[in-house]
C-alpha atoms as a PDB file:
ATOM      1  CA  UNK A   1       0.043   0.062   0.005  1.00  0.00           C
ATOM      2  CA  UNK A   2       1.248   3.491  -0.833  1.00  0.00           C
ATOM      3  CA  UNK A   3       0.036   7.000  -0.429  1.00  0.00           C
ATOM      4  CA  UNK A   4      -1.361   9.328  -3.119  1.00  0.00           C
ATOM      5  CA  UNK A   5       1.066  12.263  -3.451  1.00  0.00           C
ATOM      6  CA  UNK A   6      -1.737  14.793  -3.780  1.00  0.00           C
ATOM      7  CA  UNK A   7      -4.508  13.812  -1.398  1.00  0.00           C
ATOM      8  CA  UNK A   8      -2.799  11.406   0.960  1.00  0.00           C
ATOM      9  CA  UNK A   9      -5.276   8.518   0.422  1.00  0.00           C
ATOM     10  CA  UNK A  10      -3.997   5.027   0.936  1.00  0.00           C
ATOM     11  CA  UNK A  11      -3.849   3.526  -2.530  1.00  0.00           C
ATOM     12  CA  UNK A  12      -3.010   0.006  -3.792  1.00  0.00           C
ATOM     13  CA  UNK A  13      -1.972  -1.480  -7.093  1.00  0.00           C
ATOM     14  CA  UNK A  14      -5.644  -2.144  -7.828  1.00  0.00           C
ATOM     15  CA  UNK A  15      -7.202   1.046  -6.429  1.00  0.00           C
ATOM     16  CA  UNK A  16      -5.954   4.519  -7.204  1.00  0.00           C
ATOM     17  CA  UNK A  17      -7.644   7.864  -6.891  1.00  0.00           C
ATOM     18  CA  UNK A  18      -7.724   8.255 -10.661  1.00  0.00           C
ATOM     19  CA  UNK A  19      -9.423   4.833 -11.237  1.00  0.00           C
ATOM     20  CA  UNK A  20     -11.928   5.503  -8.433  1.00  0.00           C
ATOM     21  CA  UNK A  21     -12.815   8.855  -9.895  1.00  0.00           C
ATOM     22  CA  UNK A  22     -13.402   7.389 -13.314  1.00  0.00           C
ATOM     23  CA  UNK A  23     -15.612   4.739 -11.808  1.00  0.00           C
ATOM     24  CA  UNK A  24     -17.702   7.477 -10.125  1.00  0.00           C
ATOM     25  CA  UNK A  25     -17.944   9.372 -13.488  1.00  0.00           C
ATOM     26  CA  UNK A  26     -19.080   6.163 -15.136  1.00  0.00           C
ATOM     27  CA  UNK A  27     -21.830   5.621 -12.533  1.00  0.00           C
ATOM     28  CA  UNK A  28     -22.931   9.271 -12.817  1.00  0.00           C
ATOM     29  CA  UNK A  29     -23.014   8.981 -16.665  1.00  0.00           C
ATOM     30  CA  UNK A  30     -25.079   5.797 -16.591  1.00  0.00           C
ATOM     31  CA  UNK A  31     -27.449   6.610 -13.751  1.00  0.00           C
ATOM     32  CA  UNK A  32     -28.955  10.112 -13.147  1.00  0.00           C
ATOM     33  CA  UNK A  33     -29.412   9.240  -9.460  1.00  0.00           C
ATOM     34  CA  UNK A  34     -25.617   9.009  -9.130  1.00  0.00           C
ATOM     35  CA  UNK A  35     -25.204  12.070 -11.272  1.00  0.00           C
ATOM     36  CA  UNK A  36     -27.140  14.348  -8.943  1.00  0.00           C
ATOM     37  CA  UNK A  37     -23.882  15.113  -6.995  1.00  0.00           C
ATOM     38  CA  UNK A  38     -21.654  15.407 -10.049  1.00  0.00           C
ATOM     39  CA  UNK A  39     -20.484  18.973  -9.456  1.00  0.00           C
ATOM     40  CA  UNK A  40     -19.521  18.030  -5.870  1.00  0.00           C
ATOM     41  CA  UNK A  41     -17.628  14.886  -6.955  1.00  0.00           C
ATOM     42  CA  UNK A  42     -15.607  16.686  -9.583  1.00  0.00           C
ATOM     43  CA  UNK A  43     -14.837  19.801  -7.510  1.00  0.00           C
ATOM     44  CA  UNK A  44     -13.690  17.804  -4.533  1.00  0.00           C
ATOM     45  CA  UNK A  45     -11.574  15.417  -6.516  1.00  0.00           C
ATOM     46  CA  UNK A  46     -10.020  18.160  -8.590  1.00  0.00           C
ATOM     47  CA  UNK A  47      -9.178  20.230  -5.556  1.00  0.00           C
ATOM     48  CA  UNK A  48      -7.640  17.242  -3.928  1.00  0.00           C
ATOM     49  CA  UNK A  49      -5.650  16.443  -7.029  1.00  0.00           C
ATOM     50  CA  UNK A  50      -4.931  19.998  -8.200  1.00  0.00           C
ATOM     51  CA  UNK A  51      -1.569  19.536  -9.919  1.00  0.00           C
ATOM     52  CA  UNK A  52      -3.219  19.737 -13.343  1.00  0.00           C
ATOM     53  CA  UNK A  53      -5.616  22.613 -12.747  1.00  0.00           C
ATOM     54  CA  UNK A  54      -5.243  26.015 -14.209  1.00  0.00           C
ATOM     55  CA  UNK A  55      -5.569  28.930 -11.852  1.00  0.00           C
ATOM     56  CA  UNK A  56      -9.097  29.696 -13.166  1.00  0.00           C
ATOM     57  CA  UNK A  57     -10.002  25.983 -12.789  1.00  0.00           C
ATOM     58  CA  UNK A  58      -8.750  25.921  -9.227  1.00  0.00           C
ATOM     59  CA  UNK A  59     -10.747  29.040  -8.341  1.00  0.00           C
ATOM     60  CA  UNK A  60     -13.912  27.711  -9.965  1.00  0.00           C
ATOM     61  CA  UNK A  61     -13.630  24.345  -8.201  1.00  0.00           C
ATOM     62  CA  UNK A  62     -12.953  26.064  -4.869  1.00  0.00           C
ATOM     63  CA  UNK A  63     -15.997  28.237  -5.295  1.00  0.00           C
ATOM     64  CA  UNK A  64     -18.277  25.218  -6.260  1.00  0.00           C
ATOM     65  CA  UNK A  65     -17.041  23.316  -3.132  1.00  0.00           C
ATOM     66  CA  UNK A  66     -17.507  26.389  -0.937  1.00  0.00           C
ATOM     67  CA  UNK A  67     -21.034  26.955  -2.102  1.00  0.00           C
ATOM     68  CA  UNK A  68     -21.870  23.315  -1.158  1.00  0.00           C
ATOM     69  CA  UNK A  69     -19.998  22.986   2.101  1.00  0.00           C
ATOM     70  CA  UNK A  70     -20.170  26.547   3.569  1.00  0.00           C
ATOM     71  CA  UNK A  71     -23.356  27.887   2.019  1.00  0.00           C
ATOM     72  CA  UNK A  72     -25.071  24.628   2.172  1.00  0.00           C
ATOM     73  CA  UNK A  73     -26.512  24.851  -1.309  1.00  0.00           C
ATOM     74  CA  UNK A  74     -28.158  21.715  -2.673  1.00  0.00           C
ATOM     75  CA  UNK A  75     -26.336  19.902  -5.498  1.00  0.00           C
ATOM     76  CA  UNK A  76     -29.266  20.462  -7.821  1.00  0.00           C
ATOM     77  CA  UNK A  77     -29.118  24.239  -7.142  1.00  0.00           C
ATOM     78  CA  UNK A  78     -25.292  24.328  -7.761  1.00  0.00           C
ATOM     79  CA  UNK A  79     -25.823  22.323 -10.981  1.00  0.00           C
ATOM     80  CA  UNK A  80     -28.469  24.686 -12.282  1.00  0.00           C
ATOM     81  CA  UNK A  81     -26.532  27.871 -11.187  1.00  0.00           C
ATOM     82  CA  UNK A  82     -23.260  26.801 -12.726  1.00  0.00           C
ATOM     83  CA  UNK A  83     -24.560  25.101 -15.895  1.00  0.00           C
ATOM     84  CA  UNK A  84     -23.019  27.669 -18.204  1.00  0.00           C
ATOM     85  CA  UNK A  85     -20.082  28.470 -16.017  1.00  0.00           C
ATOM     86  CA  UNK A  86     -18.534  24.958 -16.393  1.00  0.00           C
ATOM     87  CA  UNK A  87     -19.924  24.116 -19.875  1.00  0.00           C
ATOM     88  CA  UNK A  88     -16.799  23.451 -21.928  1.00  0.00           C
ATOM     89  CA  UNK A  89     -18.553  24.839 -25.125  1.00  0.00           C
ATOM     90  CA  UNK A  90     -19.303  28.188 -23.432  1.00  0.00           C
ATOM     91  CA  UNK A  91     -16.588  28.965 -20.891  1.00  0.00           C
ATOM     92  CA  UNK A  92     -13.711  31.132 -22.065  1.00  0.00           C
ATOM     93  CA  UNK A  93     -11.119  29.595 -19.673  1.00  0.00           C
ATOM     94  CA  UNK A  94      -9.605  26.159 -19.266  1.00  0.00           C
ATOM     95  CA  UNK A  95     -10.124  23.989 -16.144  1.00  0.00           C
ATOM     96  CA  UNK A  96      -6.891  22.247 -16.631  1.00  0.00           C
ATOM     97  CA  UNK A  97      -3.399  23.203 -17.593  1.00  0.00           C
ATOM     98  CA  UNK A  98      -0.447  21.287 -18.831  1.00  0.00           C
ATOM     99  CA  UNK A  99       1.777  23.563 -16.695  1.00  0.00           C
ATOM    100  CA  UNK A 100      -0.295  22.863 -13.602  1.00  0.00           C
ATOM    101  CA  UNK A 101      -0.423  25.106 -10.559  1.00  0.00           C
ATOM    102  CA  UNK A 102       2.575  26.052  -8.496  1.00  0.00           C
ATOM    103  CA  UNK A 103       3.082  23.468  -5.661  1.00  0.00           C
ATOM    104  CA  UNK A 104       0.401  23.839  -3.091  1.00  0.00           C
ATOM    105  CA  UNK A 105       1.083  22.533   0.448  1.00  0.00           C
ATOM    106  CA  UNK A 106      -0.826  19.307   0.832  1.00  0.00           C
ATOM    107  CA  UNK A 107      -3.957  19.507   3.025  1.00  0.00           C
ATOM    108  CA  UNK A 108      -4.907  16.537   5.179  1.00  0.00           C
ATOM    109  CA  UNK A 109      -8.263  15.537   3.943  1.00  0.00           C
ATOM    110  CA  UNK A 110     -10.630  13.692   6.129  1.00  0.00           C
ATOM    111  CA  UNK A 111     -12.350  12.098   3.122  1.00  0.00           C
ATOM    112  CA  UNK A 112     -11.100  11.264  -0.320  1.00  0.00           C
ATOM    113  CA  UNK A 113     -12.529   9.677  -3.546  1.00  0.00           C
ATOM    114  CA  UNK A 114     -11.644   6.288  -2.025  1.00  0.00           C
ATOM    115  CA  UNK A 115     -14.110   6.841   0.801  1.00  0.00           C
ATOM    116  CA  UNK A 116     -17.020   7.270  -1.697  1.00  0.00           C
ATOM    117  CA  UNK A 117     -19.436   4.334  -1.666  1.00  0.00           C
ATOM    118  CA  UNK A 118     -20.533   2.946  -5.053  1.00  0.00           C
ATOM    119  CA  UNK A 119     -23.009   0.171  -3.940  1.00  0.00           C
ATOM    120  CA  UNK A 120     -26.179   2.177  -4.407  1.00  0.00           C
ATOM    121  CA  UNK A 121     -27.012   5.722  -5.619  1.00  0.00           C
ATOM    122  CA  UNK A 122     -28.290   6.706  -2.132  1.00  0.00           C
ATOM    123  CA  UNK A 123     -25.046   5.517  -0.521  1.00  0.00           C
ATOM    124  CA  UNK A 124     -22.970   7.224  -3.242  1.00  0.00           C
ATOM    125  CA  UNK A 125     -24.799  10.575  -2.841  1.00  0.00           C
ATOM    126  CA  UNK A 126     -24.585  10.405   1.013  1.00  0.00           C
ATOM    127  CA  UNK A 127     -20.914   9.518   1.030  1.00  0.00           C
ATOM    128  CA  UNK A 128     -20.021  12.039  -1.661  1.00  0.00           C
ATOM    129  CA  UNK A 129     -21.875  14.840   0.057  1.00  0.00           C
ATOM    130  CA  UNK A 130     -20.872  13.990   3.659  1.00  0.00           C
ATOM    131  CA  UNK A 131     -24.421  12.814   4.399  1.00  0.00           C
ATOM    132  CA  UNK A 132     -25.940  16.188   3.800  1.00  0.00           C
ATOM    133  CA  UNK A 133     -29.061  14.652   2.323  1.00  0.00           C
ATOM    134  CA  UNK A 134     -28.032  15.290  -1.298  1.00  0.00           C
END
């Protein structure tokens, strides 16, 4: 077992943050009930793995996560509010950058993508949202 250099999660040869994230996205794509917390899933994962984010991307992900965790906005409200902001066909800035951000001191996260449950959509939404009743 080793540690993810960005989020600190305990990863194995079979389970990495990246593979877990893609599994979440696949579930969200195939089942709208999983997709109800998509913006939260993406924002949290991207901030925890920010080495490839552009400055604008980092700021946008931070704002999305803040709205959910601090302002207690419901995922559906965030999705509706930010539909155009994050739409790749409409936004004028890039979320990622090949240059990446300058090194950011690693934060100790209490939860990572590896803590998200995939067994049912209800469990997924509850674990992705910290049991906020998403």
